[in-house]
């Protein structure tokens, strides 16, 4: 959530009070708040750090080698988009 919802909220979550959903392992750098009716949606490993992308102006959102998001994902991988051989992937 980089630069997302800076004027207010980046996520608005409406749920029933008995749900077990959570937002975890996210970076909310320069972003708005997470809003939920019961205030029970924020989970583990929520960060607010500069992700240090390689070159945002050219659309390169890969993490720099010194990014604080390296190895911060729930599986020990980098937090954020997954890249393989400079190609965005879903694996």
C-alpha atoms as a PDB file:
ATOM      1  CA  UNK A   1       0.000   0.000   0.000  1.00  0.00           C
ATOM      2  CA  UNK A   2       2.608   2.530  -1.081  1.00  0.00           C
ATOM      3  CA  UNK A   3       1.110   6.069  -1.287  1.00  0.00           C
ATOM      4  CA  UNK A   4      -2.397   4.602  -1.096  1.00  0.00           C
ATOM      5  CA  UNK A   5      -5.339   6.398   0.496  1.00  0.00           C
ATOM      6  CA  UNK A   6      -3.243   9.219   1.892  1.00  0.00           C
ATOM      7  CA  UNK A   7      -6.301  11.475   2.211  1.00  0.00           C
ATOM      8  CA  UNK A   8      -8.016   9.071   4.597  1.00  0.00           C
ATOM      9  CA  UNK A   9      -8.070   5.310   4.436  1.00  0.00           C
ATOM     10  CA  UNK A  10      -6.303   2.746   2.296  1.00  0.00           C
ATOM     11  CA  UNK A  11      -8.714  -0.064   3.255  1.00  0.00           C
ATOM     12  CA  UNK A  12     -12.315   0.057   4.419  1.00  0.00           C
ATOM     13  CA  UNK A  13     -13.430  -3.341   5.649  1.00  0.00           C
ATOM     14  CA  UNK A  14     -17.014  -4.057   6.645  1.00  0.00           C
ATOM     15  CA  UNK A  15     -17.728  -7.410   8.233  1.00  0.00           C
ATOM     16  CA  UNK A  16     -19.735  -9.269  10.791  1.00  0.00           C
ATOM     17  CA  UNK A  17     -18.230  -9.199  14.283  1.00  0.00           C
ATOM     18  CA  UNK A  18     -17.684 -12.967  14.297  1.00  0.00           C
ATOM     19  CA  UNK A  19     -15.452 -13.160  11.213  1.00  0.00           C
ATOM     20  CA  UNK A  20     -11.820 -14.263  11.516  1.00  0.00           C
ATOM     21  CA  UNK A  21     -10.309 -12.254   8.642  1.00  0.00           C
ATOM     22  CA  UNK A  22      -7.134 -10.205   9.009  1.00  0.00           C
ATOM     23  CA  UNK A  23      -4.769  -8.106   6.929  1.00  0.00           C
ATOM     24  CA  UNK A  24      -1.234  -9.281   7.663  1.00  0.00           C
ATOM     25  CA  UNK A  25       2.279  -8.945   6.221  1.00  0.00           C
ATOM     26  CA  UNK A  26       1.715  -5.582   4.540  1.00  0.00           C
ATOM     27  CA  UNK A  27       3.685  -2.386   4.265  1.00  0.00           C
ATOM     28  CA  UNK A  28       1.624   0.806   4.509  1.00  0.00           C
ATOM     29  CA  UNK A  29       4.271   3.375   3.613  1.00  0.00           C
ATOM     30  CA  UNK A  30       2.931   6.924   3.282  1.00  0.00           C
ATOM     31  CA  UNK A  31      -0.607   5.508   3.244  1.00  0.00           C
ATOM     32  CA  UNK A  32      -3.927   6.066   4.966  1.00  0.00           C
ATOM     33  CA  UNK A  33      -5.453   4.007   7.733  1.00  0.00           C
ATOM     34  CA  UNK A  34      -7.139   0.613   7.753  1.00  0.00           C
ATOM     35  CA  UNK A  35     -10.722   1.054   8.866  1.00  0.00           C
ATOM     36  CA  UNK A  36     -13.056  -1.672  10.049  1.00  0.00           C
ATOM     37  CA  UNK A  37     -16.248  -1.534  12.066  1.00  0.00           C
ATOM     38  CA  UNK A  38     -14.989  -3.776  14.863  1.00  0.00           C
ATOM     39  CA  UNK A  39     -11.291  -2.738  14.654  1.00  0.00           C
ATOM     40  CA  UNK A  40     -10.247  -6.396  14.530  1.00  0.00           C
ATOM     41  CA  UNK A  41      -8.836  -6.646  11.010  1.00  0.00           C
ATOM     42  CA  UNK A  42      -5.167  -5.793  11.607  1.00  0.00           C
ATOM     43  CA  UNK A  43      -3.049  -8.919  11.873  1.00  0.00           C
ATOM     44  CA  UNK A  44       0.657  -9.745  12.041  1.00  0.00           C
ATOM     45  CA  UNK A  45       3.715  -7.997  10.638  1.00  0.00           C
ATOM     46  CA  UNK A  46       2.221  -4.650   9.598  1.00  0.00           C
ATOM     47  CA  UNK A  47       4.970  -2.209   8.627  1.00  0.00           C
ATOM     48  CA  UNK A  48       5.235   1.481   7.708  1.00  0.00           C
ATOM     49  CA  UNK A  49       8.665   1.663   6.097  1.00  0.00           C
ATOM     50  CA  UNK A  50       9.969   3.000   2.802  1.00  0.00           C
ATOM     51  CA  UNK A  51      10.034  -0.080   0.526  1.00  0.00           C
ATOM     52  CA  UNK A  52      13.003   1.276  -1.472  1.00  0.00           C
ATOM     53  CA  UNK A  53      11.895   0.299  -4.971  1.00  0.00           C
ATOM     54  CA  UNK A  54      14.571   0.164  -7.661  1.00  0.00           C
ATOM     55  CA  UNK A  55      13.064   2.846  -9.943  1.00  0.00           C
ATOM     56  CA  UNK A  56       9.465   3.913  -9.385  1.00  0.00           C
ATOM     57  CA  UNK A  57       9.643   6.599 -12.134  1.00  0.00           C
ATOM     58  CA  UNK A  58      10.309   3.906 -14.730  1.00  0.00           C
ATOM     59  CA  UNK A  59       7.747   1.489 -13.271  1.00  0.00           C
ATOM     60  CA  UNK A  60      10.318  -0.808 -11.687  1.00  0.00           C
ATOM     61  CA  UNK A  61       8.762  -1.778  -8.356  1.00  0.00           C
ATOM     62  CA  UNK A  62      11.307  -4.452  -7.535  1.00  0.00           C
ATOM     63  CA  UNK A  63      12.842  -4.082  -4.096  1.00  0.00           C
ATOM     64  CA  UNK A  64      16.374  -2.740  -3.883  1.00  0.00           C
ATOM     65  CA  UNK A  65      18.934  -5.059  -2.301  1.00  0.00           C
ATOM     66  CA  UNK A  66      18.870  -2.917   0.882  1.00  0.00           C
ATOM     67  CA  UNK A  67      15.059  -2.754   1.202  1.00  0.00           C
ATOM     68  CA  UNK A  68      13.700  -3.332   4.724  1.00  0.00           C
ATOM     69  CA  UNK A  69      11.029  -5.563   3.131  1.00  0.00           C
ATOM     70  CA  UNK A  70      13.551  -8.218   2.132  1.00  0.00           C
ATOM     71  CA  UNK A  71      12.591 -11.565   3.696  1.00  0.00           C
ATOM     72  CA  UNK A  72       9.664 -10.014   5.647  1.00  0.00           C
ATOM     73  CA  UNK A  73       6.881 -12.036   3.960  1.00  0.00           C
ATOM     74  CA  UNK A  74       5.005 -14.738   5.847  1.00  0.00           C
ATOM     75  CA  UNK A  75       6.983 -17.393   3.968  1.00  0.00           C
ATOM     76  CA  UNK A  76      10.358 -15.745   4.532  1.00  0.00           C
ATOM     77  CA  UNK A  77      10.377 -14.326   1.005  1.00  0.00           C
ATOM     78  CA  UNK A  78      10.399 -10.655   0.139  1.00  0.00           C
ATOM     79  CA  UNK A  79       7.244  -8.694   0.964  1.00  0.00           C
ATOM     80  CA  UNK A  80       5.511  -7.230  -2.101  1.00  0.00           C
ATOM     81  CA  UNK A  81       5.366  -8.223  -5.756  1.00  0.00           C
ATOM     82  CA  UNK A  82       7.159 -11.394  -6.758  1.00  0.00           C
ATOM     83  CA  UNK A  83       9.733 -11.095  -9.530  1.00  0.00           C
ATOM     84  CA  UNK A  84      11.705 -13.742 -11.392  1.00  0.00           C
ATOM     85  CA  UNK A  85      14.279 -12.763 -13.994  1.00  0.00           C
ATOM     86  CA  UNK A  86      12.910  -9.180 -13.950  1.00  0.00           C
ATOM     87  CA  UNK A  87       9.386 -10.393 -14.816  1.00  0.00           C
ATOM     88  CA  UNK A  88       6.407  -9.978 -12.469  1.00  0.00           C
ATOM     89  CA  UNK A  89       5.101 -13.421 -11.524  1.00  0.00           C
ATOM     90  CA  UNK A  90       2.409 -14.937  -9.303  1.00  0.00           C
ATOM     91  CA  UNK A  91       4.676 -17.695  -7.945  1.00  0.00           C
END
